[in-house]
Amino acid sequence: MPTPDSQPQNLATRLASETIHAGDKKLYVDLKENPRGKHFRITEDNGGRRTAIVIPLTVAAEVVAAMNRLYQHHTERPDPT
């Protein structure tokens, strides 16, 4: 019998979802909820090969802020190559 810490990810309920098309790849951004709380699951589908990351909702704002900082830093500076 699974414990809360070993609960399979597929027992989560999907609350909302968006798809991003990026060339040959698709990114699926899902907001899900399970007994441990709400989280984002971001899945990259690259021609049948899938990779995913789970981000708890409690730290999602920090992750988005870090990504924005990195994006701003990269886009504000010319590429040295």
Foldseek 3Di string as FASTA:
>chain_A
DDDPVRDDPVVWAWDDWDWDDDPQKIWIWTWTADPVGIWIWIWIQRPNDIDIDIGGPVCVVVVVVVVVVVVCVVVVDDDPD
